[in-house]
């Protein structure tokens, strides 16, 4: 199962529970305090998802590893390309 499918399944389940409790679809008659908590739940989840996303991006940026060998290899290839172009008469 892909990550997208997992997220969509989770959102579908939470949305179903939220709609059932908020709109009292099963005649459970939840107390008013429960309705006051469940009504703004999608906003809370959206804020929590935003915080999770920012934390994940921050962590990935902080632990991004440099590729020194690849950078040196790329610089060498650039030097070789410049030399070949200059031998062929192109000025840089």
PDB file of N, CA and C in Angstrom:
ATOM      1  N   UNK A   1       0.862  -1.174   0.000  1.00  0.00           N
ATOM      2  CA  UNK A   1       0.000   0.000   0.000  1.00  0.00           C
ATOM      3  C   UNK A   1       0.907   1.235   0.000  1.00  0.00           C
ATOM      4  N   UNK A   2       0.615   2.166  -0.889  1.00  0.00           N
ATOM      5  CA  UNK A   2       1.446   3.363  -0.986  1.00  0.00           C
ATOM      6  C   UNK A   2       1.117   4.316   0.161  1.00  0.00           C
ATOM      7  N   UNK A   3       2.022   5.288   0.350  1.00  0.00           N
ATOM      8  CA  UNK A   3       1.805   6.279   1.409  1.00  0.00           C
ATOM      9  C   UNK A   3       0.536   7.084   1.137  1.00  0.00           C
ATOM     10  N   UNK A   4       0.306   7.401  -0.127  1.00  0.00           N
ATOM     11  CA  UNK A   4      -0.896   8.157  -0.477  1.00  0.00           C
ATOM     12  C   UNK A   4      -2.149   7.377  -0.102  1.00  0.00           C
ATOM     13  N   UNK A   5      -2.154   6.092  -0.399  1.00  0.00           N
ATOM     14  CA  UNK A   5      -3.314   5.265  -0.056  1.00  0.00           C
ATOM     15  C   UNK A   5      -3.497   5.181   1.456  1.00  0.00           C
ATOM     16  N   UNK A   6      -2.389   5.100   2.203  1.00  0.00           N
ATOM     17  CA  UNK A   6      -2.486   5.058   3.660  1.00  0.00           C
ATOM     18  C   UNK A   6      -3.068   6.364   4.199  1.00  0.00           C
ATOM     19  N   UNK A   7      -2.581   7.494   3.697  1.00  0.00           N
ATOM     20  CA  UNK A   7      -3.099   8.791   4.155  1.00  0.00           C
ATOM     21  C   UNK A   7      -4.575   8.954   3.799  1.00  0.00           C
ATOM     22  N   UNK A   8      -4.940   8.555   2.579  1.00  0.00           N
ATOM     23  CA  UNK A   8      -6.339   8.692   2.176  1.00  0.00           C
ATOM     24  C   UNK A   8      -7.249   7.779   2.996  1.00  0.00           C
ATOM     25  N   UNK A   9      -6.793   6.580   3.286  1.00  0.00           N
ATOM     26  CA  UNK A   9      -7.587   5.669   4.111  1.00  0.00           C
ATOM     27  C   UNK A   9      -7.763   6.235   5.521  1.00  0.00           C
ATOM     28  N   UNK A  10      -6.685   6.762   6.081  1.00  0.00           N
ATOM     29  CA  UNK A  10      -6.774   7.382   7.407  1.00  0.00           C
ATOM     30  C   UNK A  10      -7.717   8.571   7.418  1.00  0.00           C
ATOM     31  N   UNK A  11      -7.612   9.422   6.393  1.00  0.00           N
ATOM     32  CA  UNK A  11      -8.518  10.580   6.318  1.00  0.00           C
ATOM     33  C   UNK A  11      -9.973  10.156   6.140  1.00  0.00           C
ATOM     34  N   UNK A  12     -10.176   9.103   5.354  1.00  0.00           N
ATOM     35  CA  UNK A  12     -11.531   8.599   5.148  1.00  0.00           C
ATOM     36  C   UNK A  12     -12.116   8.062   6.456  1.00  0.00           C
ATOM     37  N   UNK A  13     -11.330   7.307   7.193  1.00  0.00           N
ATOM     38  CA  UNK A  13     -11.815   6.770   8.471  1.00  0.00           C
ATOM     39  C   UNK A  13     -12.091   7.888   9.473  1.00  0.00           C
ATOM     40  N   UNK A  14     -11.150   8.828   9.593  1.00  0.00           N
ATOM     41  CA  UNK A  14     -11.368   9.943  10.515  1.00  0.00           C
ATOM     42  C   UNK A  14     -12.552  10.797  10.093  1.00  0.00           C
ATOM     43  N   UNK A  15     -12.688  11.012   8.783  1.00  0.00           N
ATOM     44  CA  UNK A  15     -13.825  11.789   8.285  1.00  0.00           C
ATOM     45  C   UNK A  15     -15.147  11.112   8.571  1.00  0.00           C
ATOM     46  N   UNK A  16     -15.171   9.792   8.444  1.00  0.00           N
ATOM     47  CA  UNK A  16     -16.399   9.055   8.738  1.00  0.00           C
ATOM     48  C   UNK A  16     -16.781   9.124  10.204  1.00  0.00           C
ATOM     49  N   UNK A  17     -15.794   8.947  11.069  1.00  0.00           N
ATOM     50  CA  UNK A  17     -16.054   9.049  12.514  1.00  0.00           C
ATOM     51  C   UNK A  17     -16.481  10.464  12.873  1.00  0.00           C
ATOM     52  N   UNK A  18     -15.791  11.451  12.295  1.00  0.00           N
ATOM     53  CA  UNK A  18     -16.128  12.851  12.565  1.00  0.00           C
ATOM     54  C   UNK A  18     -17.560  13.163  12.130  1.00  0.00           C
ATOM     55  N   UNK A  19     -17.943  12.763  10.929  1.00  0.00           N
ATOM     56  CA  UNK A  19     -19.308  13.032  10.441  1.00  0.00           C
ATOM     57  C   UNK A  19     -20.344  12.303  11.291  1.00  0.00           C
ATOM     58  N   UNK A  20     -20.049  11.079  11.682  1.00  0.00           N
ATOM     59  CA  UNK A  20     -20.996  10.305  12.486  1.00  0.00           C
ATOM     60  C   UNK A  20     -21.244  10.956  13.843  1.00  0.00           C
ATOM     61  N   UNK A  21     -20.175  11.384  14.495  1.00  0.00           N
ATOM     62  CA  UNK A  21     -20.328  11.982  15.824  1.00  0.00           C
ATOM     63  C   UNK A  21     -20.879  13.405  15.728  1.00  0.00           C
ATOM     64  N   UNK A  22     -20.373  14.178  14.766  1.00  0.00           N
ATOM     65  CA  UNK A  22     -20.779  15.580  14.666  1.00  0.00           C
ATOM     66  C   UNK A  22     -22.247  15.729  14.275  1.00  0.00           C
ATOM     67  N   UNK A  23     -22.678  14.951  13.298  1.00  0.00           N
ATOM     68  CA  UNK A  23     -24.052  15.074  12.815  1.00  0.00           C
ATOM     69  C   UNK A  23     -24.993  14.045  13.440  1.00  0.00           C
ATOM     70  N   UNK A  24     -24.491  13.286  14.399  1.00  0.00           N
ATOM     71  CA  UNK A  24     -25.290  12.308  15.152  1.00  0.00           C
ATOM     72  C   UNK A  24     -26.063  11.387  14.210  1.00  0.00           C
ATOM     73  N   UNK A  25     -25.328  10.748  13.296  1.00  0.00           N
ATOM     74  CA  UNK A  25     -25.957   9.901  12.276  1.00  0.00           C
ATOM     75  C   UNK A  25     -26.454   8.568  12.827  1.00  0.00           C
ATOM     76  N   UNK A  26     -25.900   8.108  13.943  1.00  0.00           N
ATOM     77  CA  UNK A  26     -26.321   6.829  14.513  1.00  0.00           C
ATOM     78  C   UNK A  26     -27.204   7.007  15.746  1.00  0.00           C
ATOM     79  N   UNK A  27     -27.670   8.207  15.969  1.00  0.00           N
ATOM     80  CA  UNK A  27     -28.497   8.525  17.138  1.00  0.00           C
ATOM     81  C   UNK A  27     -27.835   8.081  18.438  1.00  0.00           C
ATOM     82  N   UNK A  28     -26.541   8.364  18.563  1.00  0.00           N
ATOM     83  CA  UNK A  28     -25.805   8.023  19.771  1.00  0.00           C
ATOM     84  C   UNK A  28     -26.049   9.034  20.881  1.00  0.00           C
ATOM     85  N   UNK A  29     -26.505  10.209  20.504  1.00  0.00           N
ATOM     86  CA  UNK A  29     -26.774  11.303  21.429  1.00  0.00           C
ATOM     87  C   UNK A  29     -25.559  11.594  22.325  1.00  0.00           C
ATOM     88  N   UNK A  30     -24.434  12.024  21.696  1.00  0.00           N
ATOM     89  CA  UNK A  30     -23.246  12.339  22.503  1.00  0.00           C
ATOM     90  C   UNK A  30     -23.481  13.609  23.310  1.00  0.00           C
ATOM     91  N   UNK A  31     -22.806  13.757  24.409  1.00  0.00           N
ATOM     92  CA  UNK A  31     -22.977  14.968  25.223  1.00  0.00           C
ATOM     93  C   UNK A  31     -22.481  16.204  24.464  1.00  0.00           C
ATOM     94  N   UNK A  32     -22.979  17.375  24.816  1.00  0.00           N
ATOM     95  CA  UNK A  32     -22.572  18.601  24.121  1.00  0.00           C
ATOM     96  C   UNK A  32     -21.063  18.859  24.197  1.00  0.00           C
ATOM     97  N   UNK A  33     -20.422  18.459  25.274  1.00  0.00           N
ATOM     98  CA  UNK A  33     -18.972  18.652  25.379  1.00  0.00           C
ATOM     99  C   UNK A  33     -18.242  17.851  24.302  1.00  0.00           C
ATOM    100  N   UNK A  34     -18.747  16.667  24.014  1.00  0.00           N
ATOM    101  CA  UNK A  34     -18.143  15.838  22.979  1.00  0.00           C
ATOM    102  C   UNK A  34     -18.308  16.494  21.611  1.00  0.00           C
ATOM    103  N   UNK A  35     -19.479  17.057  21.343  1.00  0.00           N
ATOM    104  CA  UNK A  35     -19.712  17.751  20.068  1.00  0.00           C
ATOM    105  C   UNK A  35     -18.824  18.983  19.942  1.00  0.00           C
ATOM    106  N   UNK A  36     -18.586  19.671  21.045  1.00  0.00           N
ATOM    107  CA  UNK A  36     -17.731  20.855  21.000  1.00  0.00           C
ATOM    108  C   UNK A  36     -16.280  20.486  20.689  1.00  0.00           C
ATOM    109  N   UNK A  37     -15.883  19.295  21.069  1.00  0.00           N
ATOM    110  CA  UNK A  37     -14.521  18.842  20.764  1.00  0.00           C
ATOM    111  C   UNK A  37     -14.440  18.346  19.323  1.00  0.00           C
ATOM    112  N   UNK A  38     -15.456  17.625  18.866  1.00  0.00           N
ATOM    113  CA  UNK A  38     -15.413  17.029  17.535  1.00  0.00           C
ATOM    114  C   UNK A  38     -15.670  18.033  16.414  1.00  0.00           C
ATOM    115  N   UNK A  39     -16.409  19.088  16.647  1.00  0.00           N
ATOM    116  CA  UNK A  39     -16.748  20.017  15.577  1.00  0.00           C
ATOM    117  C   UNK A  39     -15.500  20.665  14.951  1.00  0.00           C
ATOM    118  N   UNK A  40     -14.540  21.220  15.724  1.00  0.00           N
ATOM    119  CA  UNK A  40     -13.356  21.824  15.087  1.00  0.00           C
ATOM    120  C   UNK A  40     -12.213  20.831  14.831  1.00  0.00           C
ATOM    121  N   UNK A  41     -12.463  19.535  14.965  1.00  0.00           N
ATOM    122  CA  UNK A  41     -11.411  18.533  14.806  1.00  0.00           C
ATOM    123  C   UNK A  41     -10.693  18.610  13.454  1.00  0.00           C
ATOM    124  N   UNK A  42     -11.372  18.823  12.321  1.00  0.00           N
ATOM    125  CA  UNK A  42     -10.633  18.917  11.048  1.00  0.00           C
ATOM    126  C   UNK A  42      -9.607  20.057  11.038  1.00  0.00           C
ATOM    127  N   UNK A  43      -9.933  21.161  11.681  1.00  0.00           N
ATOM    128  CA  UNK A  43      -8.977  22.272  11.739  1.00  0.00           C
ATOM    129  C   UNK A  43      -7.774  21.877  12.583  1.00  0.00           C
ATOM    130  N   UNK A  44      -8.016  21.222  13.714  1.00  0.00           N
ATOM    131  CA  UNK A  44      -6.915  20.761  14.560  1.00  0.00           C
ATOM    132  C   UNK A  44      -6.010  19.785  13.800  1.00  0.00           C
ATOM    133  N   UNK A  45      -6.629  18.873  13.061  1.00  0.00           N
ATOM    134  CA  UNK A  45      -5.844  17.899  12.300  1.00  0.00           C
ATOM    135  C   UNK A  45      -5.057  18.570  11.182  1.00  0.00           C
ATOM    136  N   UNK A  46      -5.625  19.582  10.560  1.00  0.00           N
ATOM    137  CA  UNK A  46      -4.912  20.316   9.518  1.00  0.00           C
ATOM    138  C   UNK A  46      -3.697  21.035  10.094  1.00  0.00           C
ATOM    139  N   UNK A  47      -3.851  21.651  11.242  1.00  0.00           N
ATOM    140  CA  UNK A  47      -2.732  22.324  11.904  1.00  0.00           C
ATOM    141  C   UNK A  47      -1.675  21.301  12.320  1.00  0.00           C
ATOM    142  N   UNK A  48      -2.107  20.168  12.849  1.00  0.00           N
ATOM    143  CA  UNK A  48      -1.160  19.118  13.244  1.00  0.00           C
ATOM    144  C   UNK A  48      -0.402  18.585  12.033  1.00  0.00           C
ATOM    145  N   UNK A  49      -1.086  18.420  10.917  1.00  0.00           N
ATOM    146  CA  UNK A  49      -0.425  17.956   9.693  1.00  0.00           C
ATOM    147  C   UNK A  49       0.583  18.988   9.204  1.00  0.00           C
ATOM    148  N   UNK A  50       0.246  20.266   9.300  1.00  0.00           N
ATOM    149  CA  UNK A  50       1.194  21.319   8.925  1.00  0.00           C
ATOM    150  C   UNK A  50       2.430  21.301   9.802  1.00  0.00           C
ATOM    151  N   UNK A  51       2.242  21.117  11.099  1.00  0.00           N
ATOM    152  CA  UNK A  51       3.386  21.035  12.020  1.00  0.00           C
ATOM    153  C   UNK A  51       4.237  19.816  11.720  1.00  0.00           C
ATOM    154  N   UNK A  52       3.599  18.697  11.451  1.00  0.00           N
ATOM    155  CA  UNK A  52       4.334  17.478  11.097  1.00  0.00           C
ATOM    156  C   UNK A  52       5.131  17.691   9.812  1.00  0.00           C
ATOM    157  N   UNK A  53       4.515  18.333   8.827  1.00  0.00           N
ATOM    158  CA  UNK A  53       5.195  18.570   7.555  1.00  0.00           C
ATOM    159  C   UNK A  53       6.400  19.477   7.745  1.00  0.00           C
ATOM    160  N   UNK A  54       6.224  20.552   8.493  1.00  0.00           N
ATOM    161  CA  UNK A  54       7.352  21.462   8.741  1.00  0.00           C
ATOM    162  C   UNK A  54       8.477  20.768   9.511  1.00  0.00           C
ATOM    163  N   UNK A  55       8.121  19.974  10.484  1.00  0.00           N
ATOM    164  CA  UNK A  55       9.141  19.257  11.255  1.00  0.00           C
ATOM    165  C   UNK A  55       9.882  18.254  10.375  1.00  0.00           C
ATOM    166  N   UNK A  56       9.161  17.553   9.510  1.00  0.00           N
ATOM    167  CA  UNK A  56       9.795  16.585   8.616  1.00  0.00           C
ATOM    168  C   UNK A  56      10.732  17.274   7.641  1.00  0.00           C
ATOM    169  N   UNK A  57      10.289  18.374   7.049  1.00  0.00           N
ATOM    170  CA  UNK A  57      11.135  19.113   6.115  1.00  0.00           C
ATOM    171  C   UNK A  57      12.359  19.660   6.838  1.00  0.00           C
ATOM    172  N   UNK A  58      12.169  20.209   8.024  1.00  0.00           N
ATOM    173  CA  UNK A  58      13.296  20.723   8.790  1.00  0.00           C
ATOM    174  C   UNK A  58      14.298  19.637   9.133  1.00  0.00           C
ATOM    175  N   UNK A  59      13.815  18.484   9.521  1.00  0.00           N
ATOM    176  CA  UNK A  59      14.704  17.368   9.854  1.00  0.00           C
ATOM    177  C   UNK A  59      15.479  16.911   8.624  1.00  0.00           C
ATOM    178  N   UNK A  60      14.787  16.792   7.495  1.00  0.00           N
ATOM    179  CA  UNK A  60      15.454  16.338   6.269  1.00  0.00           C
ATOM    180  C   UNK A  60      16.496  17.340   5.792  1.00  0.00           C
ATOM    181  N   UNK A  61      16.213  18.627   5.936  1.00  0.00           N
ATOM    182  CA  UNK A  61      17.195  19.643   5.553  1.00  0.00           C
ATOM    183  C   UNK A  61      18.387  19.600   6.508  1.00  0.00           C
ATOM    184  N   UNK A  62      18.134  19.423   7.784  1.00  0.00           N
ATOM    185  CA  UNK A  62      19.214  19.405   8.773  1.00  0.00           C
ATOM    186  C   UNK A  62      20.113  18.183   8.616  1.00  0.00           C
ATOM    187  N   UNK A  63      19.581  17.074   8.176  1.00  0.00           N
ATOM    188  CA  UNK A  63      20.374  15.852   8.052  1.00  0.00           C
ATOM    189  C   UNK A  63      20.779  15.569   6.615  1.00  0.00           C
ATOM    190  N   UNK A  64      20.646  16.558   5.729  1.00  0.00           N
ATOM    191  CA  UNK A  64      21.025  16.387   4.325  1.00  0.00           C
ATOM    192  C   UNK A  64      22.534  16.227   4.244  1.00  0.00           C
ATOM    193  N   UNK A  65      22.980  15.150   3.647  1.00  0.00           N
ATOM    194  CA  UNK A  65      24.423  14.900   3.599  1.00  0.00           C
ATOM    195  C   UNK A  65      25.018  15.424   2.295  1.00  0.00           C
ATOM    196  N   UNK A  66      26.245  15.961   2.403  1.00  0.00           N
ATOM    197  CA  UNK A  66      26.954  16.477   1.242  1.00  0.00           C
ATOM    198  C   UNK A  66      27.641  15.327   0.518  1.00  0.00           C
ATOM    199  N   UNK A  67      27.770  15.480  -0.765  1.00  0.00           N
ATOM    200  CA  UNK A  67      28.435  14.479  -1.584  1.00  0.00           C
ATOM    201  C   UNK A  67      29.718  15.102  -2.131  1.00  0.00           C
ATOM    202  N   UNK A  68      30.767  15.108  -1.320  1.00  0.00           N
ATOM    203  CA  UNK A  68      32.032  15.743  -1.704  1.00  0.00           C
ATOM    204  C   UNK A  68      32.653  15.049  -2.913  1.00  0.00           C
ATOM    205  N   UNK A  69      32.608  13.733  -2.952  1.00  0.00           N
ATOM    206  CA  UNK A  69      33.194  12.999  -4.074  1.00  0.00           C
ATOM    207  C   UNK A  69      32.483  13.342  -5.380  1.00  0.00           C
ATOM    208  N   UNK A  70      31.162  13.392  -5.337  1.00  0.00           N
ATOM    209  CA  UNK A  70      30.395  13.716  -6.538  1.00  0.00           C
ATOM    210  C   UNK A  70      30.659  15.157  -6.977  1.00  0.00           C
ATOM    211  N   UNK A  71      30.814  16.068  -6.022  1.00  0.00           N
ATOM    212  CA  UNK A  71      31.083  17.459  -6.366  1.00  0.00           C
ATOM    213  C   UNK A  71      32.449  17.590  -7.041  1.00  0.00           C
ATOM    214  N   UNK A  72      33.455  16.895  -6.530  1.00  0.00           N
ATOM    215  CA  UNK A  72      34.781  16.940  -7.149  1.00  0.00           C
ATOM    216  C   UNK A  72      34.764  16.316  -8.538  1.00  0.00           C
ATOM    217  N   UNK A  73      34.045  15.217  -8.690  1.00  0.00           N
ATOM    218  CA  UNK A  73      33.941  14.575  -9.995  1.00  0.00           C
ATOM    219  C   UNK A  73      33.259  15.498 -11.002  1.00  0.00           C
ATOM    220  N   UNK A  74      32.219  16.178 -10.564  1.00  0.00           N
ATOM    221  CA  UNK A  74      31.516  17.104 -11.447  1.00  0.00           C
ATOM    222  C   UNK A  74      32.414  18.275 -11.838  1.00  0.00           C
ATOM    223  N   UNK A  75      33.194  18.803 -10.906  1.00  0.00           N
ATOM    224  CA  UNK A  75      34.116  19.892 -11.223  1.00  0.00           C
ATOM    225  C   UNK A  75      35.185  19.436 -12.207  1.00  0.00           C
ATOM    226  N   UNK A  76      35.646  18.211 -12.064  1.00  0.00           N
ATOM    227  CA  UNK A  76      36.629  17.670 -12.996  1.00  0.00           C
ATOM    228  C   UNK A  76      36.014  17.540 -14.391  1.00  0.00           C
ATOM    229  N   UNK A  77      34.794  17.083 -14.484  1.00  0.00           N
ATOM    230  CA  UNK A  77      34.124  16.953 -15.777  1.00  0.00           C
ATOM    231  C   UNK A  77      33.919  18.319 -16.415  1.00  0.00           C
ATOM    232  N   UNK A  78      33.622  19.333 -15.615  1.00  0.00           N
ATOM    233  CA  UNK A  78      33.459  20.687 -16.148  1.00  0.00           C
ATOM    234  C   UNK A  78      34.788  21.190 -16.707  1.00  0.00           C
ATOM    235  N   UNK A  79      35.883  20.951 -15.994  1.00  0.00           N
ATOM    236  CA  UNK A  79      37.213  21.365 -16.482  1.00  0.00           C
ATOM    237  C   UNK A  79      37.546  20.655 -17.790  1.00  0.00           C
ATOM    238  N   UNK A  80      37.257  19.365 -17.859  1.00  0.00           N
ATOM    239  CA  UNK A  80      37.535  18.611 -19.083  1.00  0.00           C
ATOM    240  C   UNK A  80      36.712  19.140 -20.249  1.00  0.00           C
ATOM    241  N   UNK A  81      35.445  19.454 -19.998  1.00  0.00           N
ATOM    242  CA  UNK A  81      34.586  19.981 -21.063  1.00  0.00           C
ATOM    243  C   UNK A  81      35.092  21.332 -21.540  1.00  0.00           C
ATOM    244  N   UNK A  82      35.544  22.193 -20.613  1.00  0.00           N
ATOM    245  CA  UNK A  82      36.084  23.497 -21.004  1.00  0.00           C
ATOM    246  C   UNK A  82      37.342  23.334 -21.845  1.00  0.00           C
ATOM    247  N   UNK A  83      38.209  22.386 -21.456  1.00  0.00           N
ATOM    248  CA  UNK A  83      39.430  22.148 -22.218  1.00  0.00           C
ATOM    249  C   UNK A  83      39.112  21.654 -23.623  1.00  0.00           C
ATOM    250  N   UNK A  84      38.169  20.740 -23.736  1.00  0.00           N
ATOM    251  CA  UNK A  84      37.791  20.214 -25.054  1.00  0.00           C
ATOM    252  C   UNK A  84      37.185  21.312 -25.920  1.00  0.00           C
ATOM    253  N   UNK A  85      36.341  22.137 -25.336  1.00  0.00           N
ATOM    254  CA  UNK A  85      35.736  23.221 -26.113  1.00  0.00           C
ATOM    255  C   UNK A  85      36.779  24.249 -26.524  1.00  0.00           C
ATOM    256  N   UNK A  86      37.728  24.542 -25.659  1.00  0.00           N
ATOM    257  CA  UNK A  86      38.764  25.519 -26.026  1.00  0.00           C
ATOM    258  C   UNK A  86      39.681  24.959 -27.115  1.00  0.00           C
ATOM    259  N   UNK A  87      39.935  23.638 -27.108  1.00  0.00           N
ATOM    260  CA  UNK A  87      40.727  23.016 -28.173  1.00  0.00           C
ATOM    261  C   UNK A  87      40.004  23.078 -29.509  1.00  0.00           C
ATOM    262  N   UNK A  88      38.685  23.050 -29.465  1.00  0.00           N
ATOM    263  CA  UNK A  88      37.897  23.117 -30.698  1.00  0.00           C
ATOM    264  C   UNK A  88      37.687  24.541 -31.174  1.00  0.00           C
ATOM    265  N   UNK A  89      38.216  25.519 -30.424  1.00  0.00           N
ATOM    266  CA  UNK A  89      38.158  26.900 -30.862  1.00  0.00           C
ATOM    267  C   UNK A  89      37.062  27.734 -30.246  1.00  0.00           C
ATOM    268  N   UNK A  90      36.358  27.242 -29.290  1.00  0.00           N
ATOM    269  CA  UNK A  90      35.309  28.015 -28.651  1.00  0.00           C
ATOM    270  C   UNK A  90      35.880  28.757 -27.459  1.00  0.00           C
ATOM    271  N   UNK A  91      35.566  30.060 -27.386  1.00  0.00           N
ATOM    272  CA  UNK A  91      36.054  30.856 -26.271  1.00  0.00           C
ATOM    273  C   UNK A  91      35.007  30.895 -25.165  1.00  0.00           C
ATOM    274  N   UNK A  92      35.461  30.784 -23.944  1.00  0.00           N
ATOM    275  CA  UNK A  92      34.547  30.783 -22.800  1.00  0.00           C
ATOM    276  C   UNK A  92      34.676  32.044 -22.020  1.00  0.00           C
TER     277      UNK A  92
END
